[in-house]
Amino acid sequence: MKLTIITPCTRPENLRLTQPGIDAGRDLFDIDWRIVFDTSVCEPVYVDGAIVTGVNIAGSRFGNGQRNAALSMTDDGWVYFLDDDNSMHPDFFGELYAAIKKFDTLRAFAFQQDASTFIRPVDIRVNRIDMAQVCIHRDLIDDLRFALHPYNADGMFIESLYRSNPKDWCIINKPLCYYNKLRLVCA
């Protein structure tokens, strides 16, 4: 099963912490890890097992242009957006794989980012959900792209997909990712 992990990058020092978690999923998924560097901030660096690209998109902020660039290079399979300061829970791949197999007609999964907050359908909206909390099939995304400027473009993107296709979503009420965890480690 193909899974593209898209990482917009301005903090290459975090990638060494991200890589082992991604490599752990290669037993269950055929993973394409696409790291897209914002060359206005830093130069691309080689990362073993990743497809590395550099882009400089005028007006792009918060990784939005990098996400769009990676989406244009991704044709099929599942898509997971992992920012360079977020990380996956050790159970991420196993839980995601099991959910995709069990609910094989669904095209999007949302999950918790910590153990203290359950996610409900009402939470799949702007300012309530982060990109690291969803895995979406590429065909559901179609030609939708991230707005380049707003900080909350990820929530806008997710909410738009959910509102257009609510019956294609499943909520996994388990923490499968950590928000800004690597920012705290590397700061």
Protein backbone atom coordinates (compact mmCIF):
# COMPACT_ATOMS: atom_id res chain seq x y z
CA MET A 1 0.00 0.00 0.00
CA LYS A 2 1.50 3.33 -1.05
CA LEU A 3 1.88 6.17 1.45
CA THR A 4 3.42 9.51 0.53
CA ILE A 5 4.69 11.47 3.52
CA ILE A 6 5.06 15.16 2.70
CA THR A 7 7.40 17.21 4.89
CA PRO A 8 7.75 20.93 4.19
CA CYS A 9 11.14 21.79 5.64
CA THR A 10 12.86 24.86 7.06
CA ARG A 11 14.49 23.02 10.00
CA PRO A 12 16.73 20.32 8.50
CA GLU A 13 18.22 19.57 11.93
CA ASN A 14 14.92 17.87 12.86
CA LEU A 15 15.01 15.38 9.98
CA ARG A 16 17.48 13.10 11.75
CA LEU A 17 14.88 12.69 14.51
CA THR A 18 12.05 12.11 12.03
CA GLN A 19 13.75 9.52 9.83
CA PRO A 20 13.74 6.51 12.23
CA GLY A 21 9.98 6.86 12.74
CA ILE A 22 9.36 6.91 9.01
CA ASP A 23 11.70 3.98 8.38
CA ALA A 24 9.70 1.96 10.94
CA GLY A 25 6.67 2.12 8.64
CA ARG A 26 8.38 0.66 5.59
CA ASP A 27 7.35 -2.88 6.62
CA LEU A 28 3.66 -2.00 6.22
CA PHE A 29 3.69 0.72 3.56
CA ASP A 30 5.48 1.50 0.33
CA ILE A 31 6.63 4.93 1.53
CA ASP A 32 7.63 7.89 -0.60
CA TRP A 33 8.98 10.49 1.82
CA ARG A 34 8.92 13.83 -0.01
CA ILE A 35 10.88 16.53 1.77
CA VAL A 36 10.34 19.93 0.18
CA PHE A 37 12.76 22.60 1.36
CA ASP A 38 11.90 26.27 1.32
CA THR A 39 15.06 27.53 -0.40
CA SER A 40 14.37 31.11 0.73
CA VAL A 41 15.16 29.88 4.26
CA CYS A 42 17.64 27.01 3.82
CA GLU A 43 19.30 24.85 1.19
CA PRO A 44 18.12 21.29 0.60
CA VAL A 45 20.14 18.55 2.25
CA TYR A 46 20.32 14.89 1.27
CA VAL A 47 18.26 12.55 3.45
CA ASP A 48 18.63 8.81 2.98
CA GLY A 49 15.36 7.23 1.88
CA ALA A 50 13.71 10.53 0.93
CA ILE A 51 12.93 12.37 -2.28
CA VAL A 52 14.35 15.85 -1.67
CA THR A 53 13.21 18.93 -3.57
CA GLY A 54 13.82 22.63 -3.12
CA VAL A 55 11.29 25.32 -4.01
CA ASN A 56 10.99 29.03 -3.50
CA ILE A 57 7.39 30.07 -3.98
CA ALA A 58 6.82 33.79 -3.64
CA GLY A 59 4.31 34.57 -0.92
CA SER A 60 4.26 31.07 0.53
CA ARG A 61 4.30 30.88 4.30
CA PHE A 62 4.10 28.10 6.87
CA GLY A 63 4.99 25.32 4.40
CA ASN A 64 1.88 25.81 2.27
CA GLY A 65 3.69 26.25 -1.06
CA GLN A 66 5.94 23.28 -0.28
CA ARG A 67 2.90 21.10 0.43
CA ASN A 68 1.36 22.18 -2.89
CA ALA A 69 4.58 21.39 -4.76
CA ALA A 70 4.72 17.91 -3.24
CA LEU A 71 1.05 17.26 -4.01
CA SER A 72 1.68 18.08 -7.66
CA MET A 73 4.35 15.32 -7.65
CA THR A 74 2.05 12.76 -6.01
CA ASP A 75 -0.35 10.81 -8.21
CA ASP A 76 -1.91 8.11 -6.07
CA GLY A 77 -2.08 6.31 -2.75
CA TRP A 78 -2.39 7.75 0.73
CA VAL A 79 -0.96 11.14 1.71
CA TYR A 80 0.25 12.15 5.16
CA PHE A 81 1.60 15.61 5.93
CA LEU A 82 4.33 15.59 8.58
CA ASP A 83 5.77 19.02 9.34
CA ASP A 84 9.43 19.18 10.30
CA ASP A 85 8.58 19.86 13.94
CA ASN A 86 5.91 17.18 14.38
CA SER A 87 6.40 13.48 14.95
CA MET A 88 4.45 10.26 14.73
CA HIS A 89 3.41 8.06 17.62
CA PRO A 90 5.16 4.64 17.64
CA ASP A 91 1.77 3.02 16.87
CA PHE A 92 1.07 5.35 13.92
CA PHE A 93 1.77 2.93 11.08
CA GLY A 94 0.18 -0.13 12.66
CA GLU A 95 -3.01 1.70 13.64
CA LEU A 96 -3.28 3.47 10.28
CA TYR A 97 -2.69 0.26 8.33
CA ALA A 98 -5.30 -1.62 10.38
CA ALA A 99 -7.86 1.18 9.92
CA ILE A 100 -7.32 1.36 6.15
CA LYS A 101 -7.74 -2.41 5.87
CA LYS A 102 -10.81 -2.49 8.12
CA PHE A 103 -12.54 0.52 6.54
CA ASP A 104 -11.37 -0.07 2.98
CA THR A 105 -14.03 2.13 1.34
CA LEU A 106 -13.09 5.26 3.33
CA ARG A 107 -10.63 7.83 2.03
CA ALA A 108 -9.64 9.91 5.05
CA PHE A 109 -8.68 9.25 8.65
CA ALA A 110 -8.39 11.77 11.48
CA PHE A 111 -6.77 11.01 14.82
CA GLN A 112 -5.72 12.57 18.11
CA GLN A 113 -2.43 14.37 18.54
CA ASP A 114 -2.22 13.78 22.28
CA ALA A 115 -3.87 11.56 24.85
CA SER A 116 -5.88 14.31 26.53
CA THR A 117 -8.13 15.50 23.70
CA PHE A 118 -10.61 13.32 21.84
CA ILE A 119 -11.46 14.30 18.30
CA ARG A 120 -15.05 14.56 17.10
CA PRO A 121 -16.51 15.38 13.68
CA VAL A 122 -17.11 18.95 14.85
CA ASP A 123 -13.32 19.25 15.40
CA ILE A 124 -12.46 18.65 11.74
CA ARG A 125 -12.33 22.36 10.97
CA VAL A 126 -10.16 25.46 10.94
CA ASN A 127 -8.28 26.15 14.19
CA ARG A 128 -9.31 22.78 15.67
CA ILE A 129 -7.18 20.31 13.70
CA ASP A 130 -3.58 20.11 12.50
CA MET A 131 -2.20 18.54 9.31
CA ALA A 132 -0.41 15.84 11.32
CA GLN A 133 -3.82 14.58 12.48
CA VAL A 134 -5.05 13.38 9.10
CA CYS A 135 -4.16 10.87 6.43
CA ILE A 136 -6.04 11.33 3.16
CA HIS A 137 -6.26 9.32 -0.04
CA ARG A 138 -4.83 11.24 -2.99
CA ASP A 139 -8.02 10.89 -5.05
CA LEU A 140 -10.02 12.68 -2.34
CA ILE A 141 -7.62 15.64 -2.49
CA ASP A 142 -7.92 15.85 -6.29
CA ASP A 143 -6.93 19.40 -7.32
CA LEU A 144 -7.51 21.10 -3.95
CA ARG A 145 -4.44 23.05 -2.79
CA PHE A 146 -3.35 25.02 0.25
CA ALA A 147 -3.80 28.79 0.38
CA LEU A 148 -0.29 30.25 0.39
CA HIS A 149 -0.54 32.97 3.05
CA PRO A 150 -2.66 32.06 6.08
CA TYR A 151 -1.24 30.37 9.15
CA ASN A 152 -4.39 28.23 9.39
CA ALA A 153 -4.35 27.10 5.73
CA ASP A 154 -3.98 23.51 6.93
CA GLY A 155 -7.27 23.71 8.82
CA MET A 156 -8.93 25.35 5.83
CA PHE A 157 -7.68 22.52 3.60
CA ILE A 158 -8.86 19.78 5.98
CA GLU A 159 -12.23 21.41 6.63
CA SER A 160 -12.86 21.80 2.91
CA LEU A 161 -12.14 18.11 2.29
CA TYR A 162 -14.32 17.05 5.21
CA ARG A 163 -17.29 19.26 4.29
CA SER A 164 -17.21 18.00 0.71
CA ASN A 165 -16.97 14.32 1.69
CA PRO A 166 -17.99 13.69 5.33
CA LYS A 167 -19.01 10.08 4.67
CA ASP A 168 -15.46 9.28 3.46
CA TRP A 169 -13.92 10.03 6.88
CA CYS A 170 -13.18 7.89 9.92
CA ILE A 171 -12.03 9.14 13.31
CA ILE A 172 -9.45 7.08 15.19
CA ASN A 173 -9.62 8.23 18.79
CA LYS A 174 -6.08 7.34 19.65
CA PRO A 175 -3.08 9.66 19.78
CA LEU A 176 -1.04 8.91 16.64
CA CYS A 177 1.02 12.10 16.31
CA TYR A 178 2.65 14.80 18.38
CA TYR A 179 2.29 18.49 17.58
CA ASN A 180 5.48 20.60 17.65
CA LYS A 181 7.28 17.89 19.63
CA LEU A 182 10.53 18.30 17.72
CA ARG A 183 10.47 22.08 18.13
CA LEU A 184 10.59 21.51 21.86
CA VAL A 185 13.41 18.97 21.60
CA CYS A 186 15.63 20.97 19.26
CA ALA A 187 14.99 24.50 20.51
